Amino acid sequence: MPYIPIETRAPVDEILSLLFRVLSRGNLGGLNYKITRLVDWHAASRADYFAYNEILGVLEAVKLEFYRRRVAPYEDKKKKENGDVYGQN
């Protein structure tokens, strides 16, 4: 999970803010590039199956946490606005 100690976040957030200024929001190619470069850099420190498997696990955890925190609440809101689609048999 991304919930690292507060004191560890500050230097990372400082660097990320520069990235955010360089590649604008909504640029999905830029987002893909940033993630790809970060993962590739991390993988270079230990290029073996277990490292690759661990990185895939991190990416899956990122995906699931993003879904839990952003997508699911959005879908719940839309379900309330437009009605549920399940149970329409």
N, C-alpha and C. Protein backbone atom coordinates (compact mmCIF):
# COMPACT_ATOMS: atom_id res chain seq x y z
N MET A 1 0.83 -1.18 0.00
CA MET A 1 0.00 0.00 0.00
C MET A 1 0.88 1.25 0.00
N PRO A 2 0.33 2.34 -0.45
CA PRO A 2 1.13 3.57 -0.59
C PRO A 2 1.29 4.36 0.70
N TYR A 3 0.83 3.82 1.81
CA TYR A 3 0.79 4.59 3.05
C TYR A 3 2.10 4.50 3.82
N ILE A 4 3.13 5.14 3.23
CA ILE A 4 4.45 5.18 3.85
C ILE A 4 4.48 6.30 4.89
N PRO A 5 5.46 6.29 5.80
CA PRO A 5 5.52 7.34 6.84
C PRO A 5 5.58 8.74 6.23
N ILE A 6 4.96 9.67 6.92
CA ILE A 6 4.88 11.07 6.47
C ILE A 6 6.26 11.63 6.14
N GLU A 7 7.25 11.38 7.02
CA GLU A 7 8.58 11.97 6.81
C GLU A 7 9.25 11.42 5.56
N THR A 8 8.85 10.25 5.10
CA THR A 8 9.42 9.67 3.88
C THR A 8 8.79 10.26 2.64
N ARG A 9 7.60 10.80 2.77
CA ARG A 9 6.85 11.31 1.61
C ARG A 9 7.41 12.63 1.06
N ALA A 10 7.88 13.49 1.94
CA ALA A 10 8.27 14.86 1.53
C ALA A 10 9.27 14.89 0.38
N PRO A 11 10.40 14.18 0.44
CA PRO A 11 11.33 14.25 -0.69
C PRO A 11 10.75 13.64 -1.96
N VAL A 12 9.95 12.61 -1.81
CA VAL A 12 9.32 11.99 -2.99
C VAL A 12 8.32 12.96 -3.61
N ASP A 13 7.51 13.59 -2.77
CA ASP A 13 6.51 14.53 -3.28
C ASP A 13 7.14 15.74 -3.96
N GLU A 14 8.30 16.15 -3.46
CA GLU A 14 9.01 17.28 -4.09
C GLU A 14 9.42 16.92 -5.53
N ILE A 15 9.95 15.74 -5.70
CA ILE A 15 10.35 15.29 -7.04
C ILE A 15 9.13 15.09 -7.92
N LEU A 16 8.08 14.50 -7.36
CA LEU A 16 6.87 14.27 -8.15
C LEU A 16 6.24 15.58 -8.60
N SER A 17 6.30 16.61 -7.78
CA SER A 17 5.70 17.89 -8.19
C SER A 17 6.38 18.43 -9.44
N LEU A 18 7.68 18.21 -9.57
CA LEU A 18 8.38 18.60 -10.79
C LEU A 18 7.85 17.81 -11.99
N LEU A 19 7.70 16.51 -11.82
CA LEU A 19 7.13 15.67 -12.89
C LEU A 19 5.74 16.15 -13.28
N PHE A 20 4.94 16.49 -12.29
CA PHE A 20 3.57 16.92 -12.57
C PHE A 20 3.56 18.22 -13.37
N ARG A 21 4.53 19.08 -13.12
CA ARG A 21 4.60 20.34 -13.88
C ARG A 21 5.04 20.11 -15.32
N VAL A 22 5.92 19.12 -15.54
CA VAL A 22 6.47 18.87 -16.86
C VAL A 22 5.47 18.17 -17.77
N LEU A 23 4.80 17.16 -17.25
CA LEU A 23 3.82 16.42 -18.04
C LEU A 23 2.43 16.73 -17.49
N SER A 24 1.62 17.37 -18.30
CA SER A 24 0.35 17.87 -17.82
C SER A 24 -0.66 16.78 -17.51
N ARG A 25 -1.60 17.15 -16.68
CA ARG A 25 -2.71 16.27 -16.31
C ARG A 25 -3.54 15.94 -17.54
N GLY A 26 -4.07 14.74 -17.60
CA GLY A 26 -4.87 14.34 -18.74
C GLY A 26 -4.06 13.74 -19.86
N ASN A 27 -2.74 13.82 -19.75
CA ASN A 27 -1.85 13.26 -20.76
C ASN A 27 -1.57 11.81 -20.37
N LEU A 28 -2.41 10.89 -20.85
CA LEU A 28 -2.28 9.49 -20.44
C LEU A 28 -1.00 8.85 -20.96
N GLY A 29 -0.52 9.30 -22.11
CA GLY A 29 0.77 8.82 -22.59
C GLY A 29 1.89 9.23 -21.64
N GLY A 30 1.80 10.44 -21.11
CA GLY A 30 2.78 10.91 -20.13
C GLY A 30 2.72 10.12 -18.85
N LEU A 31 1.51 9.80 -18.40
CA LEU A 31 1.36 8.98 -17.20
C LEU A 31 1.97 7.60 -17.43
N ASN A 32 1.68 7.01 -18.56
CA ASN A 32 2.24 5.70 -18.89
C ASN A 32 3.76 5.77 -18.92
N TYR A 33 4.29 6.82 -19.50
CA TYR A 33 5.75 7.01 -19.58
C TYR A 33 6.36 7.08 -18.19
N LYS A 34 5.76 7.90 -17.31
CA LYS A 34 6.29 8.06 -15.95
C LYS A 34 6.30 6.73 -15.20
N ILE A 35 5.20 6.02 -15.28
CA ILE A 35 5.11 4.73 -14.58
C ILE A 35 6.11 3.74 -15.17
N THR A 36 6.18 3.69 -16.50
CA THR A 36 7.10 2.76 -17.17
C THR A 36 8.54 3.03 -16.78
N ARG A 37 8.96 4.28 -16.81
CA ARG A 37 10.34 4.62 -16.48
C ARG A 37 10.67 4.29 -15.02
N LEU A 38 9.73 4.56 -14.13
CA LEU A 38 9.94 4.27 -12.71
C LEU A 38 10.07 2.77 -12.48
N VAL A 39 9.18 2.00 -13.09
CA VAL A 39 9.23 0.54 -12.95
C VAL A 39 10.50 -0.01 -13.58
N ASP A 40 10.87 0.49 -14.74
CA ASP A 40 12.09 0.02 -15.41
C ASP A 40 13.32 0.33 -14.58
N TRP A 41 13.38 1.53 -14.00
CA TRP A 41 14.51 1.91 -13.14
C TRP A 41 14.59 0.97 -11.94
N HIS A 42 13.45 0.70 -11.34
CA HIS A 42 13.44 -0.18 -10.17
C HIS A 42 13.85 -1.60 -10.55
N ALA A 43 13.39 -2.08 -11.68
CA ALA A 43 13.68 -3.45 -12.13
C ALA A 43 15.16 -3.63 -12.44
N ALA A 44 15.83 -2.57 -12.85
CA ALA A 44 17.24 -2.67 -13.21
C ALA A 44 18.13 -3.00 -12.01
N SER A 45 17.65 -2.72 -10.82
CA SER A 45 18.46 -3.00 -9.63
C SER A 45 18.51 -4.49 -9.31
N ARG A 46 17.55 -5.24 -9.81
CA ARG A 46 17.53 -6.69 -9.56
C ARG A 46 16.72 -7.35 -10.66
N ALA A 47 17.38 -7.74 -11.72
CA ALA A 47 16.69 -8.26 -12.90
C ALA A 47 16.58 -9.79 -12.83
N ASP A 48 15.59 -10.25 -12.08
CA ASP A 48 15.32 -11.69 -12.05
C ASP A 48 13.81 -11.91 -11.92
N TYR A 49 13.41 -13.14 -12.04
CA TYR A 49 11.99 -13.45 -12.02
C TYR A 49 11.30 -12.94 -10.76
N PHE A 50 11.94 -13.12 -9.62
CA PHE A 50 11.31 -12.75 -8.36
C PHE A 50 11.12 -11.23 -8.26
N ALA A 51 12.09 -10.49 -8.72
CA ALA A 51 11.95 -9.02 -8.74
C ALA A 51 10.82 -8.61 -9.66
N TYR A 52 10.77 -9.21 -10.85
CA TYR A 52 9.71 -8.89 -11.80
C TYR A 52 8.34 -9.23 -11.21
N ASN A 53 8.27 -10.38 -10.55
CA ASN A 53 7.01 -10.80 -9.94
C ASN A 53 6.59 -9.84 -8.82
N GLU A 54 7.56 -9.39 -8.04
CA GLU A 54 7.27 -8.42 -6.98
C GLU A 54 6.77 -7.10 -7.56
N ILE A 55 7.39 -6.65 -8.63
CA ILE A 55 6.96 -5.40 -9.27
C ILE A 55 5.54 -5.54 -9.81
N LEU A 56 5.24 -6.67 -10.42
CA LEU A 56 3.87 -6.90 -10.90
C LEU A 56 2.89 -6.87 -9.73
N GLY A 57 3.30 -7.40 -8.58
CA GLY A 57 2.45 -7.35 -7.39
C GLY A 57 2.21 -5.92 -6.94
N VAL A 58 3.24 -5.09 -6.98
CA VAL A 58 3.09 -3.68 -6.61
C VAL A 58 2.13 -2.99 -7.58
N LEU A 59 2.31 -3.22 -8.87
CA LEU A 59 1.42 -2.60 -9.86
C LEU A 59 -0.03 -3.05 -9.66
N GLU A 60 -0.22 -4.31 -9.34
CA GLU A 60 -1.57 -4.81 -9.08
C GLU A 60 -2.15 -4.15 -7.83
N ALA A 61 -1.35 -3.98 -6.79
CA ALA A 61 -1.81 -3.33 -5.57
C ALA A 61 -2.17 -1.86 -5.84
N VAL A 62 -1.37 -1.19 -6.67
CA VAL A 62 -1.67 0.19 -7.05
C VAL A 62 -3.01 0.24 -7.78
N LYS A 63 -3.20 -0.68 -8.70
CA LYS A 63 -4.46 -0.74 -9.46
C LYS A 63 -5.65 -0.94 -8.52
N LEU A 64 -5.52 -1.90 -7.62
CA LEU A 64 -6.63 -2.21 -6.72
C LEU A 64 -6.93 -1.06 -5.77
N GLU A 65 -5.90 -0.40 -5.24
CA GLU A 65 -6.12 0.72 -4.34
C GLU A 65 -6.73 1.90 -5.08
N PHE A 66 -6.30 2.13 -6.32
CA PHE A 66 -6.90 3.19 -7.13
C PHE A 66 -8.38 2.89 -7.36
N TYR A 67 -8.69 1.63 -7.66
CA TYR A 67 -10.08 1.25 -7.87
C TYR A 67 -10.90 1.47 -6.59
N ARG A 68 -10.34 1.02 -5.47
CA ARG A 68 -11.05 1.13 -4.19
C ARG A 68 -11.30 2.57 -3.78
N ARG A 69 -10.30 3.43 -3.99
CA ARG A 69 -10.40 4.81 -3.51
C ARG A 69 -11.05 5.77 -4.50
N ARG A 70 -10.89 5.52 -5.80
CA ARG A 70 -11.39 6.47 -6.80
C ARG A 70 -12.55 5.93 -7.64
N VAL A 71 -12.39 4.74 -8.20
CA VAL A 71 -13.36 4.22 -9.15
C VAL A 71 -14.64 3.75 -8.45
N ALA A 72 -14.51 2.96 -7.38
CA ALA A 72 -15.70 2.44 -6.71
C ALA A 72 -16.62 3.55 -6.19
N PRO A 73 -16.08 4.60 -5.53
CA PRO A 73 -16.98 5.68 -5.11
C PRO A 73 -17.66 6.38 -6.30
N TYR A 74 -16.94 6.54 -7.39
CA TYR A 74 -17.52 7.14 -8.60
C TYR A 74 -18.66 6.26 -9.11
N GLU A 75 -18.42 4.95 -9.19
CA GLU A 75 -19.46 4.03 -9.66
C GLU A 75 -20.67 4.03 -8.71
N ASP A 76 -20.43 4.09 -7.41
CA ASP A 76 -21.53 4.16 -6.45
C ASP A 76 -22.37 5.41 -6.67
N LYS A 77 -21.70 6.53 -6.91
CA LYS A 77 -22.41 7.79 -7.18
C LYS A 77 -23.28 7.67 -8.43
N LYS A 78 -22.71 7.10 -9.48
CA LYS A 78 -23.46 6.95 -10.73
C LYS A 78 -24.62 5.98 -10.58
N LYS A 79 -24.43 4.95 -9.76
CA LYS A 79 -25.52 3.99 -9.51
C LYS A 79 -26.69 4.71 -8.83
N LYS A 80 -26.38 5.58 -7.87
CA LYS A 80 -27.44 6.34 -7.19
C LYS A 80 -28.14 7.29 -8.16
N GLU A 81 -27.36 7.93 -9.04
CA GLU A 81 -27.93 8.89 -9.99
C GLU A 81 -28.77 8.21 -11.06
N ASN A 82 -28.31 7.06 -11.56
CA ASN A 82 -28.92 6.46 -12.74
C ASN A 82 -29.64 5.13 -12.49
N GLY A 83 -29.55 4.61 -11.29
CA GLY A 83 -30.20 3.36 -10.97
C GLY A 83 -29.27 2.17 -11.15
N ASP A 84 -29.51 1.15 -10.34
CA ASP A 84 -28.71 -0.06 -10.36
C ASP A 84 -29.02 -0.88 -11.61
N VAL A 85 -28.05 -1.60 -12.12
CA VAL A 85 -28.26 -2.49 -13.28
C VAL A 85 -28.33 -3.96 -12.86
N TYR A 86 -27.90 -4.26 -11.64
CA TYR A 86 -27.96 -5.64 -11.16
C TYR A 86 -29.36 -5.92 -10.60
N GLY A 87 -29.78 -7.17 -10.74
CA GLY A 87 -31.09 -7.56 -10.25
C GLY A 87 -32.23 -7.17 -11.16
N GLN A 88 -31.92 -6.93 -12.41
CA GLN A 88 -32.93 -6.53 -13.40
C GLN A 88 -33.50 -7.72 -14.17
N ASN A 89 -33.39 -8.91 -13.62
CA ASN A 89 -33.80 -10.13 -14.34
C ASN A 89 -35.22 -10.09 -14.75
